[in-house]
N, C-alpha and C. Protein backbone atom coordinates (compact mmCIF):
# COMPACT_ATOMS: atom_id res chain seq x y z
N MET A 1 77.36 85.91 117.33
CA MET A 1 77.44 85.73 115.89
C MET A 1 76.31 84.79 115.49
N ASN A 2 75.55 85.20 114.50
CA ASN A 2 74.42 84.36 114.10
C ASN A 2 74.84 83.34 113.03
N ARG A 3 73.90 82.50 112.70
CA ARG A 3 74.16 81.41 111.76
C ARG A 3 74.58 81.89 110.38
N LYS A 4 73.95 82.96 109.92
CA LYS A 4 74.28 83.52 108.60
C LYS A 4 75.72 84.04 108.58
N GLN A 5 76.12 84.69 109.65
CA GLN A 5 77.49 85.20 109.73
C GLN A 5 78.50 84.07 109.80
N LEU A 6 78.19 83.03 110.55
CA LEU A 6 79.08 81.87 110.61
C LEU A 6 79.23 81.21 109.24
N HIS A 7 78.14 81.14 108.51
CA HIS A 7 78.19 80.57 107.16
C HIS A 7 79.09 81.44 106.27
N GLY A 8 78.99 82.74 106.42
CA GLY A 8 79.84 83.65 105.65
C GLY A 8 81.31 83.44 105.96
N ILE A 9 81.63 83.27 107.24
CA ILE A 9 83.01 83.02 107.64
C ILE A 9 83.50 81.69 107.05
N ARG A 10 82.65 80.67 107.07
CA ARG A 10 83.02 79.39 106.48
C ARG A 10 83.30 79.54 104.98
N LEU A 11 82.46 80.31 104.28
CA LEU A 11 82.69 80.52 102.85
C LEU A 11 84.00 81.26 102.59
N LEU A 12 84.28 82.28 103.41
CA LEU A 12 85.53 83.01 103.26
C LEU A 12 86.73 82.11 103.54
N THR A 13 86.61 81.24 104.53
CA THR A 13 87.69 80.31 104.86
C THR A 13 87.94 79.35 103.69
N HIS A 14 86.87 78.88 103.09
CA HIS A 14 87.00 77.99 101.93
C HIS A 14 87.66 78.72 100.77
N ALA A 15 87.25 79.95 100.51
CA ALA A 15 87.84 80.75 99.43
C ALA A 15 89.33 80.97 99.70
N LEU A 16 89.66 81.23 100.94
CA LEU A 16 91.06 81.43 101.31
C LEU A 16 91.88 80.17 101.04
N ALA A 17 91.37 79.03 101.45
CA ALA A 17 92.07 77.76 101.22
C ALA A 17 92.28 77.50 99.73
N LEU A 18 91.27 77.79 98.93
CA LEU A 18 91.40 77.58 97.48
C LEU A 18 92.46 78.50 96.87
N GLN A 19 92.47 79.76 97.29
CA GLN A 19 93.46 80.69 96.75
C GLN A 19 94.88 80.27 97.12
N ILE A 20 95.06 79.80 98.35
CA ILE A 20 96.39 79.34 98.77
C ILE A 20 96.79 78.09 98.00
N GLU A 21 95.83 77.19 97.79
CA GLU A 21 96.12 75.97 97.03
C GLU A 21 96.51 76.30 95.59
N ILE A 22 95.79 77.22 94.96
CA ILE A 22 96.10 77.61 93.58
C ILE A 22 97.51 78.18 93.50
N SER A 23 97.83 79.10 94.40
CA SER A 23 99.16 79.71 94.33
C SER A 23 100.25 78.68 94.62
N SER A 24 100.00 77.79 95.57
CA SER A 24 100.97 76.75 95.89
C SER A 24 101.23 75.86 94.69
N ASN A 25 100.17 75.44 94.02
CA ASN A 25 100.33 74.59 92.84
C ASN A 25 101.07 75.30 91.72
N CYS A 26 100.78 76.57 91.53
CA CYS A 26 101.46 77.34 90.48
C CYS A 26 102.96 77.44 90.78
N PHE A 27 103.30 77.72 92.04
CA PHE A 27 104.71 77.82 92.40
C PHE A 27 105.41 76.47 92.31
N LYS A 28 104.74 75.40 92.76
CA LYS A 28 105.34 74.07 92.73
C LYS A 28 105.64 73.63 91.30
N ASN A 29 104.71 73.94 90.40
CA ASN A 29 104.86 73.50 89.02
C ASN A 29 105.70 74.47 88.20
N GLY A 30 106.06 75.60 88.79
CA GLY A 30 106.90 76.57 88.09
C GLY A 30 106.21 77.24 86.93
N VAL A 31 104.89 77.28 86.97
CA VAL A 31 104.15 77.91 85.89
C VAL A 31 103.24 79.00 86.42
N ASP A 32 102.91 79.92 85.56
CA ASP A 32 101.91 80.94 85.83
C ASP A 32 102.15 81.67 87.16
N THR A 33 103.33 82.26 87.26
CA THR A 33 103.68 83.00 88.47
C THR A 33 102.72 84.17 88.69
N LYS A 34 102.28 84.78 87.61
CA LYS A 34 101.33 85.90 87.73
C LYS A 34 100.05 85.43 88.43
N ARG A 35 99.55 84.28 88.04
CA ARG A 35 98.33 83.75 88.66
C ARG A 35 98.57 83.41 90.13
N ALA A 36 99.75 82.89 90.43
CA ALA A 36 100.08 82.56 91.82
C ALA A 36 100.07 83.81 92.68
N ILE A 37 100.66 84.88 92.18
CA ILE A 37 100.70 86.14 92.93
C ILE A 37 99.29 86.72 93.09
N GLU A 38 98.50 86.64 92.04
CA GLU A 38 97.11 87.12 92.13
C GLU A 38 96.32 86.32 93.17
N SER A 39 96.56 85.02 93.22
CA SER A 39 95.88 84.17 94.20
C SER A 39 96.29 84.55 95.62
N LEU A 40 97.57 84.84 95.81
CA LEU A 40 98.01 85.27 97.14
C LEU A 40 97.41 86.62 97.50
N ASP A 41 97.31 87.52 96.53
CA ASP A 41 96.65 88.81 96.78
C ASP A 41 95.20 88.61 97.19
N ASN A 42 94.52 87.70 96.51
CA ASN A 42 93.13 87.39 96.85
C ASN A 42 93.03 86.78 98.25
N ALA A 43 94.00 85.96 98.61
CA ALA A 43 94.00 85.35 99.94
C ALA A 43 94.15 86.44 101.01
N VAL A 44 95.03 87.40 100.77
CA VAL A 44 95.21 88.50 101.73
C VAL A 44 93.93 89.32 101.84
N THR A 45 93.28 89.59 100.73
CA THR A 45 92.01 90.32 100.75
C THR A 45 90.97 89.56 101.56
N THR A 46 90.92 88.25 101.37
CA THR A 46 89.97 87.42 102.12
C THR A 46 90.27 87.47 103.62
N LEU A 47 91.54 87.36 103.97
CA LEU A 47 91.92 87.43 105.38
C LEU A 47 91.54 88.78 106.00
N ASN A 48 91.76 89.85 105.26
CA ASN A 48 91.40 91.18 105.76
C ASN A 48 89.90 91.30 105.97
N LEU A 49 89.13 90.73 105.07
CA LEU A 49 87.67 90.76 105.21
C LEU A 49 87.24 89.97 106.44
N MET A 50 87.82 88.80 106.62
CA MET A 50 87.49 87.99 107.79
C MET A 50 87.85 88.74 109.07
N HIS A 51 89.00 89.39 109.08
CA HIS A 51 89.43 90.14 110.25
C HIS A 51 88.44 91.25 110.57
N ARG A 52 88.01 91.96 109.54
CA ARG A 52 87.06 93.07 109.74
C ARG A 52 85.74 92.56 110.32
N VAL A 53 85.22 91.48 109.75
CA VAL A 53 83.95 90.91 110.22
C VAL A 53 84.07 90.46 111.67
N LEU A 54 85.15 89.77 111.99
CA LEU A 54 85.33 89.29 113.36
C LEU A 54 85.55 90.44 114.34
N LYS A 55 86.24 91.47 113.89
CA LYS A 55 86.45 92.64 114.74
C LYS A 55 85.12 93.34 115.04
N GLU A 56 84.27 93.46 114.02
CA GLU A 56 82.94 94.06 114.22
C GLU A 56 82.12 93.24 115.21
N GLU A 57 82.20 91.93 115.10
CA GLU A 57 81.47 91.07 116.03
C GLU A 57 82.01 91.23 117.45
N ASP A 58 83.31 91.33 117.57
CA ASP A 58 83.92 91.53 118.88
C ASP A 58 83.45 92.85 119.50
N GLU A 59 83.39 93.89 118.69
CA GLU A 59 82.92 95.19 119.19
C GLU A 59 81.46 95.13 119.62
N LYS A 60 80.65 94.40 118.88
CA LYS A 60 79.24 94.23 119.27
C LYS A 60 79.13 93.53 120.62
N CYS A 61 79.96 92.52 120.82
CA CYS A 61 79.93 91.79 122.09
C CYS A 61 80.37 92.70 123.24
N GLU A 62 81.36 93.53 123.00
CA GLU A 62 81.85 94.43 124.04
C GLU A 62 80.76 95.44 124.42
N LYS A 63 80.03 95.95 123.42
CA LYS A 63 78.97 96.92 123.69
C LYS A 63 77.80 96.28 124.46
N ALA A 64 77.59 95.00 124.19
CA ALA A 64 76.47 94.30 124.83
C ALA A 64 76.73 94.00 126.31
N LYS A 65 77.99 94.10 126.72
CA LYS A 65 78.34 93.78 128.12
C LYS A 65 77.79 94.79 129.08
């Protein structure tokens, strides 16, 4: 995995943390449930993207063996 890809993973991780924090705050405060659910949906999308990128990297490593 190169430096650019690692930076991308870090950005996705940060986005994921922010989405979880937003939804947590919305649920804790009992406000804006729609926004909380949208944030959780975004977090799942981010996780799926991270999974795909890491899976592709794993496949590249396997082919290189």
